[in-house]
């Protein structure tokens, strides 16, 4: 298990099973700082969380414990290594979500393509072509504006939490952003959807959704960098958009049929002033910050 420790570690502990933590040195230091280093039966510290070192660590644990892979489960709390953990399951024959079921949830362009074909409203969007921009900046910028309009929203396709995301209000903004865009990341550029931002949290087990709860964002995620508070509030059932959000969430999850059998889904939705819901993105991971805590207070 790789964890960033935003969770209550006590929920992992059971008398009938051994629980091992596989963590980076930094994560382990944070755990020690919280005086919870005794929460696990064994701890393995890895400097490298790529597939080969993680598979070797898990294989060693299996060999030392004498259990068969069918009786092992890998729990992953860090969105950045979801795919790596899935690859380790596939390599070692461990039950759980495999790479194919996570692929759409890791690629925002793929998820939009899948939903667009099902007539689910997604932002106008394109994959940023850095080479085409370098060849003819003015013409490419004009093509982007013709496709997605202004304002636009640029963000990395392989990040989370609005890291590297920026609103582009003018063509000049686009040129300024393109000059400093991180070349290590691929980017998408989307229509900037005006409205109120919501997120729906779903817990699924054996392909059944067992817990579905909508929340409203206090401010858009990307405005955190401008000093606005990043927070959400849970929605009561009598909220005007409660039923609309649940139905839209159901449609999206139904269309993404190659999905994990047992997972949580963090779904971002914008509801426009006219009441139209627009899909923004979905991940097979838990929400960050205090969303879990506020949900626990409201719903138990």
Protein backbone atom coordinates (compact mmCIF):
# COMPACT_ATOMS: atom_id res chain seq x y z
CA UNK A 1 0.00 0.00 0.00
CA UNK A 2 1.26 3.46 -0.89
CA UNK A 3 -0.39 6.15 1.18
CA UNK A 4 -0.16 9.89 1.60
CA UNK A 5 -1.77 9.53 5.05
CA UNK A 6 -4.88 11.62 4.51
CA UNK A 7 -6.76 8.60 5.80
CA UNK A 8 -7.62 7.18 9.20
CA UNK A 9 -5.09 4.38 9.45
CA UNK A 10 -7.22 2.52 11.97
CA UNK A 11 -9.68 1.51 9.23
CA UNK A 12 -7.03 -0.78 7.71
CA UNK A 13 -6.42 -2.80 10.86
CA UNK A 14 -8.07 -6.20 11.28
CA UNK A 15 -7.27 -9.01 13.68
CA UNK A 16 -7.59 -11.62 10.93
CA UNK A 17 -5.06 -10.11 8.54
CA UNK A 18 -1.58 -8.61 8.42
CA UNK A 19 -1.27 -5.08 7.07
CA UNK A 20 1.98 -3.89 5.51
CA UNK A 21 2.86 -0.37 4.48
CA UNK A 22 5.04 0.32 1.43
CA UNK A 23 5.96 3.99 1.47
CA UNK A 24 8.50 6.54 0.38
CA UNK A 25 10.97 7.88 2.96
CA UNK A 26 9.11 11.21 3.03
CA UNK A 27 5.74 9.56 3.65
CA UNK A 28 7.25 7.41 6.38
CA UNK A 29 8.68 10.49 8.07
CA UNK A 30 5.24 12.11 8.08
CA UNK A 31 3.75 8.98 9.62
CA UNK A 32 6.39 8.96 12.36
CA UNK A 33 5.62 12.63 12.97
CA UNK A 34 2.01 11.66 13.63
CA UNK A 35 3.14 8.89 16.03
CA UNK A 36 1.39 6.22 13.96
CA UNK A 37 4.43 4.16 13.01
CA UNK A 38 2.99 1.25 15.00
CA UNK A 39 -0.17 1.06 12.88
CA UNK A 40 1.25 -1.64 10.58
CA UNK A 41 2.59 -5.15 11.06
CA UNK A 42 5.49 -4.39 8.74
CA UNK A 43 6.86 -1.36 6.91
CA UNK A 44 8.88 -1.35 3.69
CA UNK A 45 10.55 1.90 2.63
CA UNK A 46 11.07 2.39 -1.11
CA UNK A 47 12.99 5.23 -2.72
CA UNK A 48 11.60 4.23 -6.12
CA UNK A 49 7.89 3.46 -6.54
CA UNK A 50 8.08 2.40 -10.18
CA UNK A 51 6.78 -1.00 -11.25
CA UNK A 52 9.91 -3.16 -10.86
CA UNK A 53 10.91 -2.07 -7.32
CA UNK A 54 7.30 -2.21 -6.12
CA UNK A 55 6.76 -5.66 -7.64
CA UNK A 56 9.96 -6.91 -6.01
CA UNK A 57 8.87 -5.53 -2.64
CA UNK A 58 5.43 -7.12 -2.84
CA UNK A 59 6.86 -10.40 -4.10
CA UNK A 60 9.25 -10.46 -1.13
CA UNK A 61 6.38 -9.85 1.28
CA UNK A 62 4.39 -12.69 -0.25
CA UNK A 63 7.35 -15.05 -0.02
CA UNK A 64 8.14 -14.16 3.60
CA UNK A 65 4.54 -14.44 4.75
CA UNK A 66 3.82 -17.69 2.94
CA UNK A 67 0.48 -16.51 1.57
CA UNK A 68 -0.69 -17.09 -1.98
CA UNK A 69 -1.21 -14.07 -4.28
CA UNK A 70 -4.96 -14.76 -4.39
CA UNK A 71 -5.14 -13.83 -0.70
CA UNK A 72 -3.24 -10.55 -1.09
CA UNK A 73 -4.80 -7.14 -1.70
CA UNK A 74 -2.99 -3.96 -2.70
CA UNK A 75 -4.63 -0.72 -1.56
CA UNK A 76 -3.46 2.49 -3.20
CA UNK A 77 -4.26 5.96 -1.89
CA UNK A 78 -1.93 7.94 -4.16
CA UNK A 79 -3.39 8.78 -7.58
CA UNK A 80 0.06 9.12 -9.13
CA UNK A 81 0.83 5.41 -8.70
CA UNK A 82 -2.59 3.88 -9.43
CA UNK A 83 -1.34 2.53 -12.75
CA UNK A 84 1.87 1.18 -11.23
CA UNK A 85 -0.04 -0.71 -8.55
CA UNK A 86 -2.35 -2.14 -11.22
CA UNK A 87 0.69 -3.34 -13.18
CA UNK A 88 2.04 -5.07 -10.06
CA UNK A 89 -1.29 -6.86 -9.58
CA UNK A 90 -1.17 -8.07 -13.17
CA UNK A 91 2.44 -9.21 -12.90
CA UNK A 92 2.01 -11.12 -9.63
CA UNK A 93 -1.52 -12.47 -10.10
CA UNK A 94 -3.03 -10.40 -7.30
CA UNK A 95 -6.80 -9.79 -7.48
CA UNK A 96 -8.00 -6.26 -8.06
CA UNK A 97 -8.10 -3.56 -10.67
CA UNK A 98 -5.79 -4.12 -13.63
CA UNK A 99 -4.25 -1.52 -15.98
CA UNK A 100 -7.00 -1.78 -18.62
CA UNK A 101 -9.72 -0.79 -16.14
CA UNK A 102 -7.81 2.33 -15.07
CA UNK A 103 -6.67 3.57 -18.47
CA UNK A 104 -9.65 5.83 -19.19
CA UNK A 105 -9.54 7.31 -15.69
CA UNK A 106 -5.90 8.33 -16.12
CA UNK A 107 -6.31 10.01 -19.54
CA UNK A 108 -8.61 13.07 -19.57
CA UNK A 109 -8.71 13.12 -23.37
CA UNK A 110 -9.74 9.46 -23.51
CA UNK A 111 -12.48 9.93 -20.93
CA UNK A 112 -13.88 12.92 -22.82
CA UNK A 113 -13.81 11.00 -26.10
CA UNK A 114 -15.69 8.07 -24.56
CA UNK A 115 -18.39 10.32 -23.12
CA UNK A 116 -18.71 12.63 -26.11
CA UNK A 117 -19.62 9.66 -28.28
CA UNK A 118 -22.47 8.94 -25.83
CA UNK A 119 -23.87 12.49 -26.17
CA UNK A 120 -22.75 13.51 -22.69
CA UNK A 121 -21.83 17.20 -22.63
CA UNK A 122 -18.09 17.74 -22.29
CA UNK A 123 -16.10 20.95 -22.83
CA UNK A 124 -14.82 21.66 -26.32
CA UNK A 125 -11.23 20.54 -26.12
CA UNK A 126 -8.05 19.57 -27.93
CA UNK A 127 -4.66 18.07 -27.24
CA UNK A 128 -2.03 20.83 -27.24
CA UNK A 129 0.49 20.23 -30.03
CA UNK A 130 3.69 21.97 -28.89
CA UNK A 131 5.45 21.30 -32.19
CA UNK A 132 2.62 22.73 -34.28
CA UNK A 133 2.63 25.81 -32.07
CA UNK A 134 6.41 26.19 -32.44
CA UNK A 135 6.13 25.91 -36.24
CA UNK A 136 3.54 28.72 -36.52
CA UNK A 137 2.48 30.24 -33.17
CA UNK A 138 -0.06 32.72 -34.52
CA UNK A 139 -1.82 30.28 -36.80
CA UNK A 140 -1.93 27.51 -34.17
CA UNK A 141 -3.24 29.90 -31.51
CA UNK A 142 -5.98 30.98 -33.91
CA UNK A 143 -6.88 27.32 -34.52
CA UNK A 144 -7.11 26.71 -30.76
CA UNK A 145 -9.41 29.70 -30.30
CA UNK A 146 -11.58 28.54 -33.21
CA UNK A 147 -11.93 25.12 -31.55
CA UNK A 148 -12.39 25.89 -27.85
CA UNK A 149 -13.07 29.64 -27.75
CA UNK A 150 -11.96 32.17 -25.14
CA UNK A 151 -11.53 32.10 -22.25
CA UNK A 152 -9.81 28.73 -22.45
CA UNK A 153 -8.34 26.48 -19.79
CA UNK A 154 -4.97 24.72 -20.19
CA UNK A 155 -3.93 21.89 -17.91
CA UNK A 156 -1.52 18.93 -17.89
CA UNK A 157 -3.00 15.56 -18.84
CA UNK A 158 -0.91 13.72 -16.23
CA UNK A 159 -1.26 15.84 -13.09
CA UNK A 160 -3.87 16.28 -10.35
CA UNK A 161 -5.17 18.95 -8.01
CA UNK A 162 -5.01 21.75 -10.62
CA UNK A 163 -1.20 21.54 -10.72
CA UNK A 164 -0.01 23.45 -13.80
CA UNK A 165 -3.53 24.56 -14.77
CA UNK A 166 -4.12 28.09 -16.04
CA UNK A 167 -6.98 30.14 -17.44
CA UNK A 168 -6.25 31.84 -20.77
CA UNK A 169 -8.42 34.90 -21.37
CA UNK A 170 -6.71 36.22 -24.51
CA UNK A 171 -4.50 35.04 -27.36
CA UNK A 172 -1.68 36.96 -25.69
CA UNK A 173 -2.24 34.89 -22.54
CA UNK A 174 -1.88 31.77 -24.67
CA UNK A 175 1.45 32.92 -26.11
CA UNK A 176 2.72 33.83 -22.63
CA UNK A 177 1.69 30.45 -21.23
CA UNK A 178 3.12 28.50 -24.19
CA UNK A 179 6.53 30.14 -23.68
CA UNK A 180 6.83 28.75 -20.15
CA UNK A 181 4.72 25.56 -20.33
CA UNK A 182 6.51 22.60 -18.75
CA UNK A 183 7.86 20.51 -21.63
CA UNK A 184 7.79 17.35 -19.52
CA UNK A 185 3.98 17.26 -19.58
CA UNK A 186 1.41 16.87 -22.30
CA UNK A 187 -1.39 19.43 -22.12
CA UNK A 188 -4.98 19.76 -23.14
CA UNK A 189 -6.79 23.02 -23.79
CA UNK A 190 -10.48 23.13 -22.93
CA UNK A 191 -13.38 25.48 -23.28
CA UNK A 192 -13.65 27.41 -20.01
CA UNK A 193 -17.08 26.39 -18.76
CA UNK A 194 -18.92 29.08 -16.80
CA UNK A 195 -21.07 27.93 -13.90
CA UNK A 196 -20.90 26.37 -10.44
CA UNK A 197 -18.43 23.59 -9.74
CA UNK A 198 -19.56 20.41 -8.00
CA UNK A 199 -18.01 17.03 -7.30
CA UNK A 200 -19.72 13.70 -6.74
CA UNK A 201 -18.01 11.00 -4.69
CA UNK A 202 -18.92 7.39 -5.46
CA UNK A 203 -17.81 4.22 -3.71
CA UNK A 204 -18.22 1.06 -5.77
CA UNK A 205 -18.01 -2.57 -4.69
CA UNK A 206 -18.46 -5.61 -6.94
CA UNK A 207 -19.65 -3.30 -9.73
CA UNK A 208 -22.39 -1.83 -7.51
CA UNK A 209 -22.34 1.79 -6.37
CA UNK A 210 -22.86 1.63 -2.63
CA UNK A 211 -22.27 5.27 -1.63
CA UNK A 212 -22.93 8.34 -3.83
CA UNK A 213 -22.73 11.85 -2.43
CA UNK A 214 -22.66 15.27 -4.17
CA UNK A 215 -20.71 18.30 -2.96
CA UNK A 216 -20.41 21.93 -4.06
CA UNK A 217 -17.06 23.67 -4.41
CA UNK A 218 -16.71 26.99 -2.63
CA UNK A 219 -14.53 28.30 -5.48
CA UNK A 220 -13.16 26.77 -8.71
CA UNK A 221 -10.13 24.59 -7.99
CA UNK A 222 -7.63 26.63 -10.02
CA UNK A 223 -8.35 29.84 -8.04
CA UNK A 224 -6.48 28.40 -5.07
CA UNK A 225 -3.31 29.78 -6.66
CA UNK A 226 -4.93 33.23 -6.55
CA UNK A 227 -5.49 33.02 -2.80
CA UNK A 228 -9.12 31.83 -2.74
CA UNK A 229 -10.05 29.13 -0.27
CA UNK A 230 -10.11 25.58 -1.64
CA UNK A 231 -13.06 24.03 0.10
CA UNK A 232 -16.33 22.21 -0.54
CA UNK A 233 -19.64 21.73 1.22
CA UNK A 234 -21.81 18.63 1.29
CA UNK A 235 -25.18 18.97 -0.42
CA UNK A 236 -28.46 18.12 1.34
CA UNK A 237 -30.99 16.01 -0.50
CA UNK A 238 -33.34 18.98 -0.96
CA UNK A 239 -30.69 20.99 -2.83
CA UNK A 240 -32.03 22.05 -6.29
CA UNK A 241 -29.21 20.23 -8.12
CA UNK A 242 -28.95 17.14 -5.90
CA UNK A 243 -30.99 14.81 -8.13
CA UNK A 244 -29.49 16.27 -11.34
CA UNK A 245 -25.94 15.62 -10.12
CA UNK A 246 -26.73 12.03 -9.11
CA UNK A 247 -28.34 11.27 -12.47
CA UNK A 248 -25.48 12.83 -14.43
CA UNK A 249 -22.96 10.90 -12.33
CA UNK A 250 -24.86 7.67 -13.04
CA UNK A 251 -24.83 8.31 -16.79
CA UNK A 252 -21.09 8.99 -16.81
CA UNK A 253 -20.21 5.89 -14.80
CA UNK A 254 -22.53 3.75 -16.93
CA UNK A 255 -20.83 4.91 -20.12
CA UNK A 256 -17.33 4.30 -18.70
CA UNK A 257 -18.07 0.59 -18.62
CA UNK A 258 -14.46 -0.63 -18.52
CA UNK A 259 -13.90 0.61 -14.97
CA UNK A 260 -12.62 -0.79 -11.67
CA UNK A 261 -14.95 -3.27 -9.98
CA UNK A 262 -14.14 -1.96 -6.50
CA UNK A 263 -13.00 1.64 -6.25
CA UNK A 264 -13.89 5.20 -5.38
CA UNK A 265 -14.62 7.76 -8.09
CA UNK A 266 -14.03 11.52 -7.80
CA UNK A 267 -16.20 13.22 -10.45
CA UNK A 268 -15.98 16.95 -11.23
CA UNK A 269 -19.09 18.52 -12.80
CA UNK A 270 -19.93 22.11 -13.73
CA UNK A 271 -23.59 23.16 -13.81
CA UNK A 272 -24.09 26.11 -16.12
CA UNK A 273 -26.46 28.97 -15.23
CA UNK A 274 -29.12 27.41 -17.50
CA UNK A 275 -28.96 24.18 -15.45
CA UNK A 276 -27.00 22.10 -17.98
CA UNK A 277 -24.43 19.78 -16.33
CA UNK A 278 -21.05 19.56 -18.05
CA UNK A 279 -18.53 16.78 -17.44
CA UNK A 280 -15.06 18.05 -16.50
CA UNK A 281 -13.14 14.96 -15.36
CA UNK A 282 -13.32 11.84 -13.23
CA UNK A 283 -10.65 9.85 -11.41
CA UNK A 284 -10.59 6.43 -9.78
CA UNK A 285 -9.27 7.94 -6.57
CA UNK A 286 -10.37 9.56 -3.35
CA UNK A 287 -10.83 13.32 -2.97
CA UNK A 288 -8.07 15.27 -1.30
CA UNK A 289 -7.91 17.67 1.64
CA UNK A 290 -10.79 17.45 4.16
CA UNK A 291 -13.51 16.17 1.82
CA UNK A 292 -13.46 12.73 3.44
CA UNK A 293 -13.68 14.27 6.90
CA UNK A 294 -16.61 16.54 6.05
CA UNK A 295 -18.41 13.66 4.37
CA UNK A 296 -17.92 11.57 7.50
CA UNK A 297 -19.39 14.34 9.64
CA UNK A 298 -22.46 14.70 7.40
CA UNK A 299 -23.16 11.11 6.39
CA UNK A 300 -21.20 8.95 8.82
